[in-house]
């Protein structure tokens, strides 16, 4: 199994920046793709950015040019980051880290709240 713990959320003014972190533990050697999702109450969870096992990245149109996903990986640690610049009030949401392992099992973190004030 893989366990995920997000951190880095908070309250920021519009135009500001935050960096979210997702630290994985457990069978980190089995991790393939990882993504950041966000959810607003009453709406579906949406994919914000993802990074494949080969390092390819993908972004939602609404965050292209403002958000950057990256990862740090070695034998002992696996951490995925989401750097968010030029934040807008519409970026306010709970942000979740998600990953899949080599058996295609899916794992989710507990989420971290991002609030952008106007």
C-alpha atoms as a PDB file:
ATOM      1  CA  UNK A   1       0.000   0.000   0.000  1.00  0.00           C
ATOM      2  CA  UNK A   2       0.885   3.648  -0.393  1.00  0.00           C
ATOM      3  CA  UNK A   3       0.064   6.404   2.078  1.00  0.00           C
ATOM      4  CA  UNK A   4      -0.101  10.049   1.000  1.00  0.00           C
ATOM      5  CA  UNK A   5       0.074  13.152   3.178  1.00  0.00           C
ATOM      6  CA  UNK A   6      -0.502  16.610   1.726  1.00  0.00           C
ATOM      7  CA  UNK A   7       0.692  19.868   3.221  1.00  0.00           C
ATOM      8  CA  UNK A   8       1.206  23.473   2.257  1.00  0.00           C
ATOM      9  CA  UNK A   9      -2.320  24.750   1.933  1.00  0.00           C
ATOM     10  CA  UNK A  10      -3.491  27.961   3.501  1.00  0.00           C
ATOM     11  CA  UNK A  11      -4.963  31.398   2.990  1.00  0.00           C
ATOM     12  CA  UNK A  12      -3.391  33.672   0.398  1.00  0.00           C
ATOM     13  CA  UNK A  13      -4.366  36.853  -1.387  1.00  0.00           C
ATOM     14  CA  UNK A  14      -5.140  36.864  -5.066  1.00  0.00           C
ATOM     15  CA  UNK A  15      -1.932  37.023  -7.075  1.00  0.00           C
ATOM     16  CA  UNK A  16       0.009  35.198  -4.403  1.00  0.00           C
ATOM     17  CA  UNK A  17       1.717  31.815  -4.445  1.00  0.00           C
ATOM     18  CA  UNK A  18       1.653  28.567  -2.533  1.00  0.00           C
ATOM     19  CA  UNK A  19       3.502  25.288  -2.847  1.00  0.00           C
ATOM     20  CA  UNK A  20       1.701  22.093  -1.965  1.00  0.00           C
ATOM     21  CA  UNK A  21       3.604  18.960  -1.046  1.00  0.00           C
ATOM     22  CA  UNK A  22       2.495  15.344  -1.154  1.00  0.00           C
ATOM     23  CA  UNK A  23       4.736  12.951   0.728  1.00  0.00           C
ATOM     24  CA  UNK A  24       4.330   9.264  -0.035  1.00  0.00           C
ATOM     25  CA  UNK A  25       5.251   6.334   2.162  1.00  0.00           C
ATOM     26  CA  UNK A  26       4.859   2.585   1.928  1.00  0.00           C
ATOM     27  CA  UNK A  27       5.414   0.904  -1.430  1.00  0.00           C
ATOM     28  CA  UNK A  28       6.836   4.014  -3.044  1.00  0.00           C
ATOM     29  CA  UNK A  29       8.844   1.927  -5.491  1.00  0.00           C
ATOM     30  CA  UNK A  30       5.537   0.865  -7.060  1.00  0.00           C
ATOM     31  CA  UNK A  31       4.221   4.364  -7.719  1.00  0.00           C
ATOM     32  CA  UNK A  32       3.475   5.213 -11.332  1.00  0.00           C
ATOM     33  CA  UNK A  33       1.498   8.352 -12.151  1.00  0.00           C
ATOM     34  CA  UNK A  34       0.600  10.988  -9.568  1.00  0.00           C
ATOM     35  CA  UNK A  35      -1.875  13.797  -9.794  1.00  0.00           C
ATOM     36  CA  UNK A  36      -3.240  16.766  -7.928  1.00  0.00           C
ATOM     37  CA  UNK A  37      -7.003  17.177  -7.867  1.00  0.00           C
ATOM     38  CA  UNK A  38      -9.199  19.819  -6.324  1.00  0.00           C
ATOM     39  CA  UNK A  39     -12.767  19.919  -5.163  1.00  0.00           C
ATOM     40  CA  UNK A  40     -15.214  22.631  -4.217  1.00  0.00           C
ATOM     41  CA  UNK A  41     -18.247  21.682  -2.108  1.00  0.00           C
ATOM     42  CA  UNK A  42     -21.098  20.611  -4.335  1.00  0.00           C
ATOM     43  CA  UNK A  43     -18.905  20.058  -7.373  1.00  0.00           C
ATOM     44  CA  UNK A  44     -17.021  17.120  -8.827  1.00  0.00           C
ATOM     45  CA  UNK A  45     -13.389  16.611  -8.047  1.00  0.00           C
ATOM     46  CA  UNK A  46     -11.304  17.819 -11.005  1.00  0.00           C
ATOM     47  CA  UNK A  47      -7.799  17.024 -12.167  1.00  0.00           C
ATOM     48  CA  UNK A  48      -5.472  19.995 -11.825  1.00  0.00           C
ATOM     49  CA  UNK A  49      -2.134  18.498 -12.863  1.00  0.00           C
ATOM     50  CA  UNK A  50      -0.492  15.116 -13.244  1.00  0.00           C
ATOM     51  CA  UNK A  51       2.959  13.677 -13.750  1.00  0.00           C
ATOM     52  CA  UNK A  52       3.617  10.273 -15.260  1.00  0.00           C
ATOM     53  CA  UNK A  53       6.233   7.740 -14.292  1.00  0.00           C
ATOM     54  CA  UNK A  54       8.333   9.056 -17.177  1.00  0.00           C
ATOM     55  CA  UNK A  55       8.012  12.631 -16.029  1.00  0.00           C
ATOM     56  CA  UNK A  56       5.464  13.851 -18.561  1.00  0.00           C
ATOM     57  CA  UNK A  57       3.162  16.499 -17.163  1.00  0.00           C
ATOM     58  CA  UNK A  58      -0.403  17.468 -17.894  1.00  0.00           C
ATOM     59  CA  UNK A  59      -2.416  20.471 -16.703  1.00  0.00           C
ATOM     60  CA  UNK A  60      -5.983  21.611 -16.675  1.00  0.00           C
ATOM     61  CA  UNK A  61      -6.501  24.543 -19.024  1.00  0.00           C
ATOM     62  CA  UNK A  62      -7.495  26.761 -16.113  1.00  0.00           C
ATOM     63  CA  UNK A  63      -4.071  26.460 -14.459  1.00  0.00           C
ATOM     64  CA  UNK A  64      -1.713  26.246 -17.436  1.00  0.00           C
ATOM     65  CA  UNK A  65       1.073  28.757 -17.127  1.00  0.00           C
ATOM     66  CA  UNK A  66       0.381  29.312 -13.419  1.00  0.00           C
ATOM     67  CA  UNK A  67       0.808  25.902 -11.783  1.00  0.00           C
ATOM     68  CA  UNK A  68       3.781  23.546 -12.003  1.00  0.00           C
ATOM     69  CA  UNK A  69       3.854  19.925 -10.887  1.00  0.00           C
ATOM     70  CA  UNK A  70       7.165  18.311 -10.028  1.00  0.00           C
ATOM     71  CA  UNK A  71       8.483  15.433  -8.005  1.00  0.00           C
ATOM     72  CA  UNK A  72      11.444  14.332  -5.985  1.00  0.00           C
ATOM     73  CA  UNK A  73      12.146  10.618  -6.000  1.00  0.00           C
ATOM     74  CA  UNK A  74      14.837   8.375  -4.579  1.00  0.00           C
ATOM     75  CA  UNK A  75      14.902   4.973  -2.899  1.00  0.00           C
ATOM     76  CA  UNK A  76      13.713   6.369   0.412  1.00  0.00           C
ATOM     77  CA  UNK A  77      11.405   9.240  -0.463  1.00  0.00           C
ATOM     78  CA  UNK A  78       8.796  10.197  -2.995  1.00  0.00           C
ATOM     79  CA  UNK A  79       7.352  13.682  -2.878  1.00  0.00           C
ATOM     80  CA  UNK A  80       5.206  15.475  -5.436  1.00  0.00           C
ATOM     81  CA  UNK A  81       4.864  19.243  -5.417  1.00  0.00           C
ATOM     82  CA  UNK A  82       2.386  21.655  -6.891  1.00  0.00           C
ATOM     83  CA  UNK A  83       3.709  25.184  -7.185  1.00  0.00           C
ATOM     84  CA  UNK A  84       0.825  27.583  -7.644  1.00  0.00           C
ATOM     85  CA  UNK A  85       1.514  31.116  -8.824  1.00  0.00           C
ATOM     86  CA  UNK A  86      -0.807  34.001  -9.585  1.00  0.00           C
ATOM     87  CA  UNK A  87      -3.554  32.423  -7.533  1.00  0.00           C
ATOM     88  CA  UNK A  88      -7.135  33.460  -8.197  1.00  0.00           C
ATOM     89  CA  UNK A  89     -10.221  33.255  -5.990  1.00  0.00           C
ATOM     90  CA  UNK A  90     -11.554  30.514  -8.265  1.00  0.00           C
ATOM     91  CA  UNK A  91      -8.568  28.357  -7.259  1.00  0.00           C
ATOM     92  CA  UNK A  92     -10.088  28.095  -3.782  1.00  0.00           C
ATOM     93  CA  UNK A  93     -10.708  24.416  -3.098  1.00  0.00           C
ATOM     94  CA  UNK A  94      -9.579  21.392  -1.171  1.00  0.00           C
ATOM     95  CA  UNK A  95      -6.565  19.953  -2.992  1.00  0.00           C
ATOM     96  CA  UNK A  96      -5.929  16.217  -3.008  1.00  0.00           C
ATOM     97  CA  UNK A  97      -2.954  14.156  -4.045  1.00  0.00           C
ATOM     98  CA  UNK A  98      -3.660  10.907  -5.858  1.00  0.00           C
ATOM     99  CA  UNK A  99      -1.386   8.190  -7.096  1.00  0.00           C
ATOM    100  CA  UNK A 100      -1.532   4.782  -8.712  1.00  0.00           C
ATOM    101  CA  UNK A 101       0.777   1.853  -8.138  1.00  0.00           C
ATOM    102  CA  UNK A 102       1.994  -0.810 -10.539  1.00  0.00           C
ATOM    103  CA  UNK A 103      -1.098  -2.904  -9.790  1.00  0.00           C
ATOM    104  CA  UNK A 104      -3.237   0.100 -10.792  1.00  0.00           C
ATOM    105  CA  UNK A 105      -4.540   0.552  -7.257  1.00  0.00           C
ATOM    106  CA  UNK A 106      -5.458   4.137  -6.517  1.00  0.00           C
ATOM    107  CA  UNK A 107      -4.545   6.029  -3.355  1.00  0.00           C
ATOM    108  CA  UNK A 108      -5.645   9.429  -2.058  1.00  0.00           C
ATOM    109  CA  UNK A 109      -4.384  11.809   0.559  1.00  0.00           C
ATOM    110  CA  UNK A 110      -6.572  13.525   3.114  1.00  0.00           C
ATOM    111  CA  UNK A 111      -6.534  16.869   1.315  1.00  0.00           C
ATOM    112  CA  UNK A 112      -5.290  20.346   2.100  1.00  0.00           C
ATOM    113  CA  UNK A 113      -7.387  23.503   1.883  1.00  0.00           C
ATOM    114  CA  UNK A 114      -6.365  26.410  -0.317  1.00  0.00           C
ATOM    115  CA  UNK A 115      -8.282  29.661   0.099  1.00  0.00           C
ATOM    116  CA  UNK A 116      -7.595  32.643  -2.136  1.00  0.00           C
ATOM    117  CA  UNK A 117      -9.049  35.959  -1.051  1.00  0.00           C
ATOM    118  CA  UNK A 118      -9.884  38.694  -3.520  1.00  0.00           C
END
